[in-house]
Amino acid sequence: MYRALVMFPKSAGPAEVDALIEGIASSFKASAGSQPITRSVGSLMGPGAKSGKAGWILEADFPTLEDAMTALDAEDFQDVKAATETLTSTILLFEIEKV
């Protein structure tokens, strides 16, 4: 299982982040193999939230690396990715397993 994690900066406007999250989610849902897509709601909490730069988080899971790469390489995703990166958001992809 693979997870895409997008961390949006605190400095971004809520309406702008909401639109980007909707665009990313729509693109990922259209891609084959997309599993649950979740987002943070309200303020981030915990020690890292106070000192960190992230204000919002989106997570999307994919069953295989191929599915994840298909979603990240999709033409639909490229425009929203560019807008997301303009905000200095961080986009990560990593393998996950239960512990």
N, C-alpha and C. Protein backbone atom coordinates (compact mmCIF):
# COMPACT_ATOMS: atom_id res chain seq x y z
N MET A 1 0.85 -1.17 0.00
CA MET A 1 0.00 0.00 0.00
C MET A 1 0.90 1.23 0.00
N TYR A 2 0.49 2.25 -0.76
CA TYR A 2 1.25 3.48 -0.87
C TYR A 2 0.36 4.66 -0.49
N ARG A 3 0.97 5.66 0.11
CA ARG A 3 0.23 6.84 0.54
C ARG A 3 0.85 8.10 -0.06
N ALA A 4 -0.01 8.93 -0.63
CA ALA A 4 0.39 10.27 -1.05
C ALA A 4 -0.05 11.21 0.07
N LEU A 5 0.86 12.06 0.50
CA LEU A 5 0.60 13.01 1.58
C LEU A 5 0.92 14.40 1.06
N VAL A 6 -0.05 15.29 1.17
CA VAL A 6 0.16 16.68 0.75
C VAL A 6 0.00 17.56 1.97
N MET A 7 1.03 18.36 2.26
CA MET A 7 0.99 19.29 3.39
C MET A 7 0.94 20.71 2.83
N PHE A 8 -0.16 21.40 3.11
CA PHE A 8 -0.35 22.76 2.65
C PHE A 8 0.12 23.73 3.73
N PRO A 9 0.75 24.84 3.35
CA PRO A 9 1.30 25.77 4.34
C PRO A 9 0.21 26.56 5.07
N LYS A 10 0.52 26.92 6.32
CA LYS A 10 -0.38 27.76 7.11
C LYS A 10 -0.65 29.09 6.43
N SER A 11 0.31 29.56 5.66
CA SER A 11 0.21 30.87 5.03
C SER A 11 -0.82 30.93 3.90
N ALA A 12 -1.28 29.78 3.42
CA ALA A 12 -2.26 29.74 2.33
C ALA A 12 -3.65 30.07 2.86
N GLY A 13 -4.47 30.60 1.99
CA GLY A 13 -5.85 30.93 2.38
C GLY A 13 -6.71 29.68 2.39
N PRO A 14 -7.64 29.59 3.35
CA PRO A 14 -8.51 28.41 3.46
C PRO A 14 -9.30 28.10 2.18
N ALA A 15 -9.83 29.12 1.52
CA ALA A 15 -10.62 28.88 0.31
C ALA A 15 -9.73 28.32 -0.80
N GLU A 16 -8.52 28.83 -0.90
CA GLU A 16 -7.58 28.34 -1.91
C GLU A 16 -7.20 26.89 -1.65
N VAL A 17 -6.94 26.56 -0.39
CA VAL A 17 -6.60 25.18 -0.02
C VAL A 17 -7.78 24.26 -0.28
N ASP A 18 -8.99 24.69 0.09
CA ASP A 18 -10.17 23.86 -0.15
C ASP A 18 -10.32 23.53 -1.64
N ALA A 19 -10.11 24.53 -2.49
CA ALA A 19 -10.23 24.31 -3.94
C ALA A 19 -9.16 23.34 -4.43
N LEU A 20 -7.94 23.47 -3.92
CA LEU A 20 -6.87 22.56 -4.32
C LEU A 20 -7.14 21.14 -3.83
N ILE A 21 -7.61 21.01 -2.61
CA ILE A 21 -7.94 19.68 -2.07
C ILE A 21 -9.02 19.02 -2.91
N GLU A 22 -10.04 19.79 -3.28
CA GLU A 22 -11.11 19.24 -4.12
C GLU A 22 -10.55 18.81 -5.48
N GLY A 23 -9.65 19.61 -6.06
CA GLY A 23 -9.05 19.26 -7.34
C GLY A 23 -8.20 18.01 -7.27
N ILE A 24 -7.39 17.91 -6.22
CA ILE A 24 -6.55 16.72 -6.04
C ILE A 24 -7.41 15.49 -5.83
N ALA A 25 -8.39 15.61 -4.96
CA ALA A 25 -9.27 14.47 -4.67
C ALA A 25 -10.00 14.01 -5.92
N SER A 26 -10.49 14.96 -6.70
CA SER A 26 -11.20 14.63 -7.94
C SER A 26 -10.28 13.90 -8.92
N SER A 27 -9.06 14.39 -9.04
CA SER A 27 -8.09 13.76 -9.94
C SER A 27 -7.74 12.36 -9.48
N PHE A 28 -7.47 12.21 -8.17
CA PHE A 28 -7.11 10.89 -7.64
C PHE A 28 -8.27 9.90 -7.76
N LYS A 29 -9.49 10.37 -7.52
CA LYS A 29 -10.66 9.49 -7.63
C LYS A 29 -10.85 9.00 -9.06
N ALA A 30 -10.48 9.84 -10.01
CA ALA A 30 -10.61 9.45 -11.42
C ALA A 30 -9.53 8.46 -11.84
N SER A 31 -8.46 8.39 -11.07
CA SER A 31 -7.37 7.46 -11.38
C SER A 31 -7.71 6.07 -10.89
N ALA A 32 -7.27 5.09 -11.62
CA ALA A 32 -7.53 3.70 -11.24
C ALA A 32 -6.83 3.38 -9.92
N GLY A 33 -7.53 2.69 -9.05
CA GLY A 33 -6.91 2.17 -7.84
C GLY A 33 -6.92 3.07 -6.63
N SER A 34 -7.45 4.27 -6.74
CA SER A 34 -7.45 5.16 -5.59
C SER A 34 -8.32 4.61 -4.47
N GLN A 35 -7.78 4.58 -3.29
CA GLN A 35 -8.47 4.12 -2.10
C GLN A 35 -8.98 5.34 -1.35
N PRO A 36 -9.23 5.22 -0.05
CA PRO A 36 -9.74 6.38 0.69
C PRO A 36 -8.85 7.62 0.55
N ILE A 37 -9.51 8.76 0.44
CA ILE A 37 -8.83 10.05 0.41
C ILE A 37 -9.37 10.82 1.60
N THR A 38 -8.46 11.30 2.46
CA THR A 38 -8.88 12.02 3.66
C THR A 38 -8.13 13.35 3.75
N ARG A 39 -8.70 14.26 4.53
CA ARG A 39 -8.09 15.56 4.74
C ARG A 39 -8.22 15.94 6.21
N SER A 40 -7.36 16.81 6.65
CA SER A 40 -7.47 17.32 8.01
C SER A 40 -8.66 18.28 8.06
N VAL A 41 -9.26 18.35 9.24
CA VAL A 41 -10.38 19.25 9.47
C VAL A 41 -10.04 20.09 10.69
N GLY A 42 -10.16 21.38 10.57
CA GLY A 42 -9.81 22.27 11.68
C GLY A 42 -8.31 22.41 11.80
N SER A 43 -7.90 22.99 12.88
CA SER A 43 -6.48 23.25 13.12
C SER A 43 -5.73 21.95 13.39
N LEU A 44 -4.49 21.89 12.89
CA LEU A 44 -3.63 20.76 13.22
C LEU A 44 -3.25 20.86 14.69
N MET A 45 -3.07 19.71 15.33
CA MET A 45 -2.78 19.68 16.75
C MET A 45 -1.48 18.95 17.01
N GLY A 46 -0.98 19.05 18.22
CA GLY A 46 0.22 18.35 18.62
C GLY A 46 1.44 19.24 18.57
N PRO A 47 2.56 18.74 19.11
CA PRO A 47 3.78 19.55 19.20
C PRO A 47 4.27 20.08 17.85
N GLY A 48 4.20 19.27 16.81
CA GLY A 48 4.69 19.69 15.50
C GLY A 48 3.82 20.75 14.86
N ALA A 49 2.55 20.80 15.24
CA ALA A 49 1.64 21.77 14.64
C ALA A 49 1.98 23.20 15.04
N LYS A 50 2.42 23.37 16.27
CA LYS A 50 2.73 24.72 16.76
C LYS A 50 3.95 25.30 16.06
N SER A 51 4.98 24.49 15.90
CA SER A 51 6.22 24.98 15.31
C SER A 51 6.32 24.70 13.81
N GLY A 52 5.45 23.85 13.31
CA GLY A 52 5.51 23.47 11.90
C GLY A 52 4.90 24.51 10.98
N LYS A 53 5.09 24.30 9.70
CA LYS A 53 4.59 25.24 8.71
C LYS A 53 3.30 24.75 8.05
N ALA A 54 2.92 23.47 8.29
CA ALA A 54 1.73 22.92 7.64
C ALA A 54 0.46 23.39 8.35
N GLY A 55 -0.54 23.73 7.54
CA GLY A 55 -1.82 24.14 8.08
C GLY A 55 -2.94 23.17 7.75
N TRP A 56 -2.77 22.41 6.67
CA TRP A 56 -3.76 21.43 6.22
C TRP A 56 -3.02 20.22 5.67
N ILE A 57 -3.69 19.06 5.73
CA ILE A 57 -3.09 17.82 5.22
C ILE A 57 -4.13 17.05 4.42
N LEU A 58 -3.69 16.48 3.31
CA LEU A 58 -4.50 15.57 2.51
C LEU A 58 -3.74 14.26 2.39
N GLU A 59 -4.44 13.13 2.53
CA GLU A 59 -3.83 11.81 2.37
C GLU A 59 -4.66 11.00 1.39
N ALA A 60 -3.98 10.27 0.54
CA ALA A 60 -4.66 9.37 -0.40
C ALA A 60 -3.87 8.07 -0.46
N ASP A 61 -4.57 6.95 -0.35
CA ASP A 61 -3.92 5.64 -0.37
C ASP A 61 -4.16 4.96 -1.71
N PHE A 62 -3.16 4.20 -2.13
CA PHE A 62 -3.21 3.45 -3.39
C PHE A 62 -2.70 2.04 -3.12
N PRO A 63 -3.34 1.02 -3.71
CA PRO A 63 -2.94 -0.36 -3.44
C PRO A 63 -1.55 -0.73 -3.96
N THR A 64 -1.12 -0.11 -5.06
CA THR A 64 0.19 -0.45 -5.63
C THR A 64 0.95 0.83 -5.99
N LEU A 65 2.26 0.68 -6.16
CA LEU A 65 3.07 1.81 -6.60
C LEU A 65 2.64 2.25 -8.00
N GLU A 66 2.31 1.30 -8.84
CA GLU A 66 1.85 1.64 -10.19
C GLU A 66 0.60 2.51 -10.15
N ASP A 67 -0.37 2.17 -9.27
CA ASP A 67 -1.58 2.98 -9.14
C ASP A 67 -1.25 4.39 -8.66
N ALA A 68 -0.34 4.47 -7.69
CA ALA A 68 0.05 5.78 -7.16
C ALA A 68 0.72 6.63 -8.24
N MET A 69 1.63 6.03 -8.98
CA MET A 69 2.33 6.77 -10.02
C MET A 69 1.39 7.17 -11.15
N THR A 70 0.42 6.32 -11.46
CA THR A 70 -0.59 6.67 -12.47
C THR A 70 -1.35 7.91 -12.03
N ALA A 71 -1.73 7.96 -10.76
CA ALA A 71 -2.46 9.12 -10.24
C ALA A 71 -1.59 10.38 -10.24
N LEU A 72 -0.34 10.24 -9.83
CA LEU A 72 0.55 11.40 -9.75
C LEU A 72 1.01 11.89 -11.13
N ASP A 73 0.99 11.00 -12.11
CA ASP A 73 1.39 11.37 -13.47
C ASP A 73 0.21 11.77 -14.35
N ALA A 74 -1.00 11.62 -13.83
CA ALA A 74 -2.21 11.89 -14.63
C ALA A 74 -2.24 13.35 -15.08
N GLU A 75 -2.70 13.55 -16.29
CA GLU A 75 -2.78 14.89 -16.85
C GLU A 75 -3.67 15.79 -15.99
N ASP A 76 -4.78 15.23 -15.46
CA ASP A 76 -5.69 15.99 -14.59
C ASP A 76 -4.96 16.56 -13.37
N PHE A 77 -3.99 15.79 -12.87
CA PHE A 77 -3.30 16.17 -11.64
C PHE A 77 -2.25 17.26 -11.88
N GLN A 78 -1.73 17.39 -13.08
CA GLN A 78 -0.59 18.27 -13.32
C GLN A 78 -0.90 19.74 -13.03
N ASP A 79 -2.08 20.24 -13.43
CA ASP A 79 -2.42 21.64 -13.17
C ASP A 79 -2.60 21.92 -11.69
N VAL A 80 -3.32 21.03 -11.02
CA VAL A 80 -3.55 21.22 -9.59
C VAL A 80 -2.24 21.04 -8.82
N LYS A 81 -1.38 20.17 -9.30
CA LYS A 81 -0.06 19.98 -8.68
C LYS A 81 0.76 21.26 -8.79
N ALA A 82 0.75 21.88 -9.95
CA ALA A 82 1.50 23.13 -10.15
C ALA A 82 0.99 24.22 -9.22
N ALA A 83 -0.32 24.33 -9.09
CA ALA A 83 -0.89 25.34 -8.18
C ALA A 83 -0.54 25.01 -6.73
N THR A 84 -0.56 23.74 -6.39
CA THR A 84 -0.22 23.31 -5.03
C THR A 84 1.24 23.63 -4.72
N GLU A 85 2.12 23.36 -5.65
CA GLU A 85 3.54 23.63 -5.45
C GLU A 85 3.85 25.13 -5.41
N THR A 86 3.03 25.95 -6.08
CA THR A 86 3.21 27.40 -6.03
C THR A 86 3.05 27.91 -4.60
N LEU A 87 2.23 27.24 -3.82
CA LEU A 87 2.04 27.63 -2.42
C LEU A 87 3.17 27.14 -1.52
N THR A 88 4.13 26.46 -2.08
CA THR A 88 5.23 25.79 -1.35
C THR A 88 4.71 24.64 -0.51
N SER A 89 3.68 23.98 -0.99
CA SER A 89 3.18 22.77 -0.34
C SER A 89 4.20 21.65 -0.55
N THR A 90 4.12 20.64 0.30
CA THR A 90 4.99 19.47 0.18
C THR A 90 4.14 18.28 -0.24
N ILE A 91 4.57 17.57 -1.28
CA ILE A 91 3.88 16.36 -1.74
C ILE A 91 4.84 15.20 -1.57
N LEU A 92 4.42 14.21 -0.79
CA LEU A 92 5.24 13.04 -0.53
C LEU A 92 4.51 11.78 -0.98
N LEU A 93 5.26 10.76 -1.34
CA LEU A 93 4.72 9.44 -1.64
C LEU A 93 5.58 8.44 -0.90
N PHE A 94 4.95 7.52 -0.17
CA PHE A 94 5.70 6.52 0.58
C PHE A 94 4.89 5.25 0.74
N GLU A 95 5.61 4.16 0.96
CA GLU A 95 4.97 2.87 1.21
C GLU A 95 4.57 2.78 2.66
N ILE A 96 3.41 2.17 2.93
CA ILE A 96 2.95 2.02 4.31
C ILE A 96 2.67 0.55 4.62
N GLU A 97 2.76 0.21 5.89
CA GLU A 97 2.38 -1.11 6.35
C GLU A 97 1.91 -1.01 7.79
N LYS A 98 1.11 -1.96 8.20
CA LYS A 98 0.62 -1.97 9.58
C LYS A 98 1.75 -2.38 10.52
N VAL A 99 1.73 -1.83 11.71
CA VAL A 99 2.75 -2.20 12.71
C VAL A 99 2.09 -2.91 13.88
